[in-house]
Amino acid sequence: MTNTGNVTLTSVGVDDPKVGSVSCPDTTLVPGASTTCTATYTLTQADVDAGQVANTATVSGTPPTGDPVTGTDSVTTPIDQAPSIALDKTAGAPSGATAGSTIDYTFIVTNTGNVTLTSVGVDDPKVGSVSCPDTTLVPGASTTCTATYTLTQADVDAGQVVNTATAGGTPPTGDPVTGTDSVTTPIEQTPSISLTKSADVTSELMAGDLVNYTFLLTNTGNVSLDTIEVSDPMLEAVTCPVTTLAPGESTTCTAPAYTVTMEDANRGQIVNTATATASFCGDGGCVVVDSTSSVVVTTLPAVIEGDTDDDGDGGSGGGALAFTGFEGGPAAGLGVGILTAGVLLLVVGRRRRKA
């Protein structure tokens, strides 16, 4: 400060409401004399948010006679603003590995700049709504936001959930600032298929009977299956109405009816095994899963009722004769006649020897 008058000034000092106490080495100034006073001011967050400090001070001194004289001066100091925000996103363990299971996410949002941020929030298109307890953050402050995501079948089929979120906040001046973070959560994949084969048999079968088989396929894993097929060496092509199955879904496949042969009848049973296969292709490549199922049905050989003992009484004697020729038709009838004639000749021959 400088005494710009022509009389000596005493009680010279500076009043600065913002700065507070101002130290002046000289409090008496003769005309033309000066003194340099000093003070230190500590910035507040409001100053930084404002981007400047505007300050006005008043100097005063008392002349030998009359009222004190005063002078004022102002200075504006700009403050550099550097708004920024950071996001740290984490995922909890999935509650399961099927569609409908959930993943809990946390989003730690931190004000890494030097100005206060308002309208703080998190945008996550995959998760949807994110809840944040605080939406205003001073520099260095953090808030933990949360959200829960429900797995889709596409997530399980992909074997992972890749998720990117963006945190944002608005500084006192200028455009909003943002920060992003991503997290990948692996999902365990367990492809499997089940086959249950059945036959529409209600009684024992004989040569020439027809057997209809059905094949119930169920996706018992947690991923979608495709290229579904059933193979059965005893049957012609097995037809399935669909070739893809989502987890838990089933389909029933069919094949043309099977005709029981004489060999089947004489064997006493038909044992038939089918195999179902399906494939699943993920990021780790393709795998093929399979399942087998067997069905056993009982068969009876063809028989001829007649006299097979030595007494010629027409009784059954030694029992029924198993027929192992053709299943029917003219040839079968001719065979039956020849066999019957042979039995009669044998009986007549035995009686003559006895006589």
Protein backbone atom coordinates (compact mmCIF):
# COMPACT_ATOMS: atom_id res chain seq x y z
CA MET A 1 0.00 0.00 0.00
CA THR A 2 1.15 3.58 -0.63
CA ASN A 3 0.40 6.88 1.10
CA THR A 4 -0.70 8.96 -1.83
CA GLY A 5 -1.61 12.02 0.30
CA ASN A 6 0.44 14.90 1.76
CA VAL A 7 0.09 14.05 5.45
CA THR A 8 1.38 11.20 7.50
CA LEU A 9 -0.98 8.29 7.99
CA THR A 10 -1.05 6.14 11.10
CA SER A 11 -2.87 2.90 11.99
CA VAL A 12 -2.32 1.77 8.44
CA GLY A 13 -3.80 -1.73 7.75
CA VAL A 14 -5.66 -3.98 5.30
CA ASP A 15 -9.10 -5.52 5.73
CA ASP A 16 -9.74 -8.63 3.60
CA PRO A 17 -12.81 -10.63 4.67
CA LYS A 18 -11.93 -13.61 2.49
CA VAL A 19 -8.28 -13.84 3.44
CA GLY A 20 -8.67 -12.92 7.06
CA SER A 21 -5.67 -11.58 8.96
CA VAL A 22 -3.25 -9.46 6.89
CA SER A 23 0.23 -8.73 8.21
CA CYS A 24 1.73 -5.28 7.48
CA PRO A 25 5.37 -4.51 8.54
CA ASP A 26 4.71 -0.76 8.76
CA THR A 27 1.59 0.87 10.15
CA THR A 28 2.75 4.51 9.74
CA LEU A 29 3.40 5.94 6.31
CA VAL A 30 4.69 9.39 5.42
CA PRO A 31 3.52 10.87 2.12
CA GLY A 32 4.82 8.77 -0.82
CA ALA A 33 5.92 5.88 1.39
CA SER A 34 4.76 2.30 0.81
CA THR A 35 4.57 -0.99 2.75
CA THR A 36 3.92 -4.51 1.54
CA CYS A 37 1.42 -6.54 3.53
CA THR A 38 0.93 -10.31 3.18
CA ALA A 39 -1.63 -13.06 3.86
CA THR A 40 -2.17 -16.69 2.94
CA TYR A 41 -5.50 -18.06 1.79
CA THR A 42 -6.52 -21.72 1.70
CA LEU A 43 -8.71 -22.72 -1.20
CA THR A 44 -12.06 -24.27 -0.47
CA GLN A 45 -13.84 -26.84 -2.62
CA ALA A 46 -16.31 -24.11 -3.48
CA ASP A 47 -13.43 -22.06 -4.89
CA VAL A 48 -12.25 -24.96 -7.06
CA ASP A 49 -15.79 -25.69 -8.18
CA ALA A 50 -16.14 -22.02 -9.07
CA GLY A 51 -12.92 -22.15 -11.05
CA GLN A 52 -11.61 -18.94 -9.53
CA VAL A 53 -11.12 -16.87 -6.39
CA ALA A 54 -12.44 -13.30 -6.63
CA ASN A 55 -11.14 -11.16 -3.74
CA THR A 56 -11.51 -7.52 -2.75
CA ALA A 57 -9.43 -5.87 0.00
CA THR A 58 -9.67 -2.44 1.66
CA VAL A 59 -6.71 -0.42 2.96
CA SER A 60 -7.12 2.37 5.52
CA GLY A 61 -5.04 4.93 7.42
CA THR A 62 -5.68 7.76 9.88
CA PRO A 63 -4.51 11.31 9.04
CA PRO A 64 -3.51 13.80 11.74
CA THR A 65 -6.97 15.34 11.62
CA GLY A 66 -10.24 14.18 10.15
CA ASP A 67 -11.72 10.81 9.28
CA PRO A 68 -9.61 7.77 8.18
CA VAL A 69 -8.99 7.44 4.46
CA THR A 70 -9.47 4.21 2.51
CA GLY A 71 -8.63 2.55 -0.78
CA THR A 72 -9.80 -0.73 -2.36
CA ASP A 73 -8.51 -3.21 -4.89
CA SER A 74 -9.73 -6.56 -6.29
CA VAL A 75 -8.02 -9.53 -7.87
CA THR A 76 -9.42 -12.68 -9.52
CA THR A 77 -7.30 -15.82 -9.42
CA PRO A 78 -8.29 -18.62 -11.88
CA ILE A 79 -8.29 -22.20 -10.56
CA ASP A 80 -7.58 -25.03 -12.99
CA GLN A 81 -10.45 -27.52 -13.05
CA ALA A 82 -9.75 -31.19 -13.87
CA PRO A 83 -12.96 -33.22 -13.56
CA SER A 84 -12.68 -37.01 -13.91
CA ILE A 85 -14.45 -40.14 -12.75
CA ALA A 86 -13.46 -43.82 -12.42
CA LEU A 87 -15.49 -47.03 -12.35
CA ASP A 88 -14.55 -50.41 -10.90
CA LYS A 89 -17.11 -53.06 -11.81
CA THR A 90 -17.14 -56.54 -10.23
CA ALA A 91 -19.41 -59.58 -10.58
CA GLY A 92 -20.40 -62.09 -7.95
CA ALA A 93 -20.59 -65.83 -8.56
CA PRO A 94 -23.65 -66.86 -10.61
CA SER A 95 -26.44 -68.36 -8.54
CA GLY A 96 -26.59 -71.22 -11.07
CA ALA A 97 -25.63 -72.23 -14.59
CA THR A 98 -29.07 -72.19 -16.20
CA ALA A 99 -31.27 -69.57 -17.78
CA GLY A 100 -33.00 -67.68 -14.97
CA SER A 101 -30.01 -67.78 -12.64
CA THR A 102 -28.68 -64.42 -11.48
CA ILE A 103 -25.42 -62.48 -11.17
CA ASP A 104 -25.03 -59.67 -8.64
CA TYR A 105 -22.92 -56.76 -9.85
CA THR A 106 -21.25 -53.98 -7.85
CA PHE A 107 -20.06 -50.68 -9.35
CA ILE A 108 -17.62 -48.58 -7.29
CA VAL A 109 -17.74 -45.03 -8.68
CA THR A 110 -14.98 -42.63 -7.56
CA ASN A 111 -14.54 -38.92 -8.20
CA THR A 112 -10.91 -38.81 -9.30
CA GLY A 113 -10.97 -35.13 -10.31
CA ASN A 114 -10.69 -31.88 -8.34
CA VAL A 115 -14.25 -30.60 -8.68
CA THR A 116 -17.56 -31.78 -7.29
CA LEU A 117 -19.59 -34.04 -9.57
CA THR A 118 -23.36 -34.15 -9.59
CA SER A 119 -25.89 -36.43 -11.31
CA VAL A 120 -23.52 -39.35 -10.74
CA GLY A 121 -24.85 -42.65 -12.10
CA VAL A 122 -24.03 -45.87 -13.96
CA ASP A 123 -25.28 -46.89 -17.39
CA ASP A 124 -25.25 -50.63 -18.10
CA PRO A 125 -27.31 -51.69 -21.15
CA LYS A 126 -27.10 -55.42 -20.34
CA VAL A 127 -27.99 -55.18 -16.66
CA GLY A 128 -30.51 -52.38 -16.94
CA SER A 129 -31.30 -50.23 -13.91
CA VAL A 130 -28.36 -49.61 -11.55
CA SER A 131 -29.01 -48.24 -8.06
CA CYS A 132 -26.54 -45.70 -6.60
CA PRO A 133 -26.95 -44.44 -3.00
CA ASP A 134 -25.12 -41.15 -3.69
CA THR A 135 -25.40 -39.05 -6.81
CA THR A 136 -23.12 -36.18 -5.74
CA LEU A 137 -19.43 -36.83 -5.13
CA VAL A 138 -16.74 -34.43 -3.93
CA PRO A 139 -13.19 -35.11 -5.11
CA GLY A 140 -11.87 -38.41 -3.71
CA ALA A 141 -15.30 -39.64 -2.61
CA SER A 142 -16.81 -42.94 -3.79
CA THR A 143 -20.20 -44.61 -3.93
CA THR A 144 -21.04 -48.28 -4.44
CA CYS A 145 -23.87 -48.96 -6.87
CA THR A 146 -25.55 -52.34 -7.36
CA ALA A 147 -27.62 -54.31 -9.88
CA THR A 148 -28.76 -57.89 -10.48
CA TYR A 149 -28.72 -59.55 -13.89
CA THR A 150 -30.77 -62.60 -14.92
CA LEU A 151 -29.04 -65.08 -17.22
CA THR A 152 -30.59 -65.87 -20.59
CA GLN A 153 -30.20 -69.12 -22.53
CA ALA A 154 -28.01 -67.22 -24.97
CA ASP A 155 -25.66 -66.39 -22.08
CA VAL A 156 -25.42 -70.06 -21.07
CA ASP A 157 -24.90 -71.16 -24.67
CA ALA A 158 -22.14 -68.55 -24.97
CA GLY A 159 -20.49 -69.84 -21.79
CA GLN A 160 -19.94 -66.37 -20.40
CA VAL A 161 -21.46 -62.97 -19.74
CA VAL A 162 -19.35 -60.07 -21.00
CA ASN A 163 -20.56 -56.80 -19.58
CA THR A 164 -19.37 -53.20 -19.91
CA ALA A 165 -20.72 -50.36 -17.82
CA THR A 166 -20.15 -46.59 -17.92
CA ALA A 167 -20.14 -44.24 -14.95
CA GLY A 168 -20.88 -40.57 -15.50
CA GLY A 169 -21.00 -37.31 -13.56
CA THR A 170 -21.52 -33.61 -14.26
CA PRO A 171 -18.87 -31.06 -13.18
CA PRO A 172 -19.76 -27.46 -12.22
CA THR A 173 -18.82 -26.31 -15.72
CA GLY A 174 -18.20 -28.13 -18.95
CA ASP A 175 -19.37 -31.43 -20.34
CA PRO A 176 -20.08 -34.54 -18.22
CA VAL A 177 -17.17 -36.88 -17.58
CA THR A 178 -17.32 -40.68 -17.91
CA GLY A 179 -15.39 -43.79 -16.99
CA THR A 180 -15.91 -47.40 -18.16
CA ASP A 181 -15.07 -50.87 -16.91
CA SER A 182 -15.82 -54.41 -18.13
CA VAL A 183 -16.09 -57.77 -16.44
CA THR A 184 -16.46 -61.28 -17.89
CA THR A 185 -18.24 -63.97 -15.90
CA PRO A 186 -17.76 -67.59 -17.06
CA ILE A 187 -20.79 -69.90 -17.11
CA GLU A 188 -20.23 -73.67 -16.77
CA GLN A 189 -21.62 -75.63 -19.72
CA THR A 190 -22.86 -79.24 -19.31
CA PRO A 191 -24.33 -80.62 -22.55
CA SER A 192 -26.16 -83.97 -22.24
CA ILE A 193 -29.05 -85.88 -23.79
CA SER A 194 -31.28 -88.72 -22.63
CA LEU A 195 -32.95 -91.38 -24.78
CA THR A 196 -35.86 -93.56 -23.71
CA LYS A 197 -36.94 -96.18 -26.23
CA SER A 198 -40.28 -97.99 -25.92
CA ALA A 199 -42.34 -100.55 -27.86
CA ASP A 200 -46.15 -100.65 -28.12
CA VAL A 201 -46.32 -104.34 -27.18
CA THR A 202 -49.15 -105.59 -24.99
CA SER A 203 -48.71 -109.36 -25.47
CA GLU A 204 -46.18 -111.93 -26.64
CA LEU A 205 -45.37 -111.67 -30.31
CA MET A 206 -45.26 -114.23 -33.11
CA ALA A 207 -43.64 -114.20 -36.53
CA GLY A 208 -45.29 -111.67 -38.80
CA ASP A 209 -46.44 -109.37 -36.00
CA LEU A 210 -45.58 -105.69 -36.21
CA VAL A 211 -43.79 -103.69 -33.51
CA ASN A 212 -43.90 -99.91 -33.36
CA TYR A 213 -41.02 -98.27 -31.52
CA THR A 214 -40.90 -94.70 -30.22
CA PHE A 215 -37.87 -92.74 -29.09
CA LEU A 216 -38.22 -90.02 -26.47
CA LEU A 217 -35.28 -87.60 -26.51
CA THR A 218 -34.76 -85.04 -23.73
CA ASN A 219 -32.13 -82.34 -23.42
CA THR A 220 -30.91 -82.97 -19.87
CA GLY A 221 -28.06 -80.43 -20.00
CA ASN A 222 -27.96 -76.66 -19.63
CA VAL A 223 -27.10 -75.70 -23.21
CA SER A 224 -29.02 -75.89 -26.47
CA LEU A 225 -28.40 -79.00 -28.60
CA ASP A 226 -28.63 -79.35 -32.36
CA THR A 227 -28.06 -81.96 -35.08
CA ILE A 228 -30.19 -84.39 -33.07
CA GLU A 229 -30.30 -87.90 -34.55
CA VAL A 230 -31.33 -91.44 -33.58
CA SER A 231 -29.76 -94.56 -35.06
CA ASP A 232 -31.20 -98.06 -34.70
CA PRO A 233 -29.55 -100.95 -36.61
CA MET A 234 -32.78 -103.03 -36.60
CA LEU A 235 -34.95 -100.31 -38.07
CA GLU A 236 -35.11 -98.15 -41.09
CA ALA A 237 -34.40 -94.43 -40.72
CA VAL A 238 -35.68 -92.89 -37.49
CA THR A 239 -37.46 -89.58 -38.04
CA CYS A 240 -37.45 -86.76 -35.47
CA PRO A 241 -39.84 -83.78 -35.80
CA VAL A 242 -37.13 -81.34 -34.64
CA THR A 243 -33.34 -81.36 -34.75
CA THR A 244 -32.69 -78.82 -31.97
CA LEU A 245 -33.65 -78.89 -28.31
CA ALA A 246 -33.36 -76.25 -25.62
CA PRO A 247 -32.54 -77.44 -22.08
CA GLY A 248 -35.46 -79.36 -20.62
CA GLU A 249 -37.23 -79.78 -23.95
CA SER A 250 -38.19 -83.19 -25.37
CA THR A 251 -39.18 -84.64 -28.72
CA THR A 252 -40.55 -88.03 -29.77
CA CYS A 253 -39.02 -89.71 -32.82
CA THR A 254 -40.54 -92.59 -34.78
CA ALA A 255 -39.60 -95.25 -37.33
CA PRO A 256 -41.52 -97.62 -39.65
CA ALA A 257 -42.95 -100.66 -37.84
CA TYR A 258 -40.66 -103.68 -37.40
CA THR A 259 -41.86 -107.08 -38.62
CA VAL A 260 -41.13 -110.01 -36.30
CA THR A 261 -39.17 -112.73 -38.14
CA MET A 262 -39.27 -116.51 -37.60
CA GLU A 263 -35.78 -116.23 -36.10
CA ASP A 264 -37.07 -113.64 -33.62
CA ALA A 265 -39.97 -115.93 -32.73
CA ASN A 266 -37.78 -119.01 -32.18
CA ARG A 267 -35.28 -116.97 -30.17
CA GLY A 268 -37.97 -116.08 -27.65
CA GLN A 269 -37.19 -112.38 -27.52
CA ILE A 270 -36.15 -109.31 -29.48
CA VAL A 271 -33.45 -107.17 -27.95
CA ASN A 272 -33.11 -103.81 -29.63
CA THR A 273 -30.73 -100.95 -28.76
CA ALA A 274 -30.87 -97.42 -30.18
CA THR A 275 -28.43 -94.53 -29.85
CA ALA A 276 -29.23 -90.82 -29.81
CA THR A 277 -26.59 -88.21 -30.62
CA ALA A 278 -26.56 -84.43 -30.54
CA SER A 279 -23.95 -81.72 -30.84
CA PHE A 280 -23.17 -78.48 -29.05
CA CYS A 281 -20.78 -75.88 -30.39
CA GLY A 282 -19.40 -73.16 -28.13
CA ASP A 283 -16.35 -70.94 -27.94
CA GLY A 284 -14.27 -73.97 -26.98
CA GLY A 285 -15.32 -75.93 -30.09
CA CYS A 286 -17.95 -78.57 -30.72
CA VAL A 287 -18.76 -81.62 -28.63
CA VAL A 288 -21.04 -84.57 -29.37
CA VAL A 289 -23.12 -86.17 -26.63
CA ASP A 290 -24.96 -89.47 -26.87
CA SER A 291 -27.32 -91.77 -25.00
CA THR A 292 -28.43 -95.36 -25.57
CA SER A 293 -31.61 -97.19 -24.67
CA SER A 294 -32.66 -100.84 -25.09
CA VAL A 295 -36.03 -102.58 -25.28
CA VAL A 296 -36.67 -106.34 -24.83
CA VAL A 297 -39.93 -107.87 -26.10
CA THR A 298 -40.99 -111.53 -25.71
CA THR A 299 -41.78 -113.75 -28.69
CA LEU A 300 -43.38 -117.23 -29.15
CA PRO A 301 -42.48 -119.87 -31.80
CA ALA A 302 -45.17 -121.18 -34.15
CA VAL A 303 -46.64 -124.67 -33.11
CA ILE A 304 -48.61 -127.62 -34.66
CA GLU A 305 -51.14 -129.48 -32.51
CA GLY A 306 -51.26 -133.28 -33.23
CA ASP A 307 -50.74 -136.93 -32.01
CA THR A 308 -47.06 -137.41 -31.23
CA ASP A 309 -47.17 -140.44 -28.86
CA ASP A 310 -47.01 -144.14 -29.77
CA ASP A 311 -50.51 -145.22 -28.81
CA GLY A 312 -52.31 -143.65 -31.74
CA ASP A 313 -55.06 -142.31 -29.56
CA GLY A 314 -54.90 -138.89 -31.01
CA GLY A 315 -53.60 -137.48 -27.70
CA SER A 316 -50.85 -134.98 -27.46
CA GLY A 317 -48.40 -137.46 -25.96
CA GLY A 318 -45.02 -135.84 -26.46
CA GLY A 319 -46.60 -132.36 -26.77
CA ALA A 320 -46.85 -129.77 -29.53
CA LEU A 321 -44.29 -129.72 -32.31
CA ALA A 322 -42.44 -126.48 -32.87
CA PHE A 323 -42.72 -125.28 -36.43
CA THR A 324 -39.58 -123.76 -37.83
CA GLY A 325 -40.51 -123.42 -41.50
CA PHE A 326 -42.14 -120.57 -43.36
CA GLU A 327 -44.48 -118.18 -41.58
CA GLY A 328 -47.50 -118.91 -43.78
CA GLY A 329 -48.82 -119.19 -47.30
CA PRO A 330 -49.03 -122.20 -49.70
CA ALA A 331 -45.49 -123.36 -49.04
CA ALA A 332 -46.14 -123.40 -45.31
CA GLY A 333 -49.34 -125.45 -45.83
CA LEU A 334 -47.49 -127.98 -47.98
CA GLY A 335 -44.81 -128.32 -45.31
CA VAL A 336 -47.40 -128.98 -42.64
CA GLY A 337 -49.01 -131.71 -44.79
CA ILE A 338 -45.69 -133.48 -45.42
CA LEU A 339 -44.77 -133.35 -41.75
CA THR A 340 -48.18 -134.75 -40.72
CA ALA A 341 -47.90 -137.62 -43.25
CA GLY A 342 -44.49 -138.49 -41.88
CA VAL A 343 -45.78 -138.69 -38.36
CA LEU A 344 -48.64 -141.04 -39.44
CA LEU A 345 -46.26 -143.40 -41.31
CA LEU A 346 -44.06 -143.57 -38.23
CA VAL A 347 -47.00 -144.51 -36.04
CA VAL A 348 -48.19 -147.26 -38.49
CA GLY A 349 -44.70 -148.73 -38.67
CA ARG A 350 -44.42 -149.00 -34.91
CA ARG A 351 -47.80 -150.78 -34.61
CA ARG A 352 -46.83 -153.40 -37.24
CA ARG A 353 -43.66 -154.22 -35.34
CA LYS A 354 -45.63 -154.63 -32.16
CA ALA A 355 -48.06 -157.05 -33.89
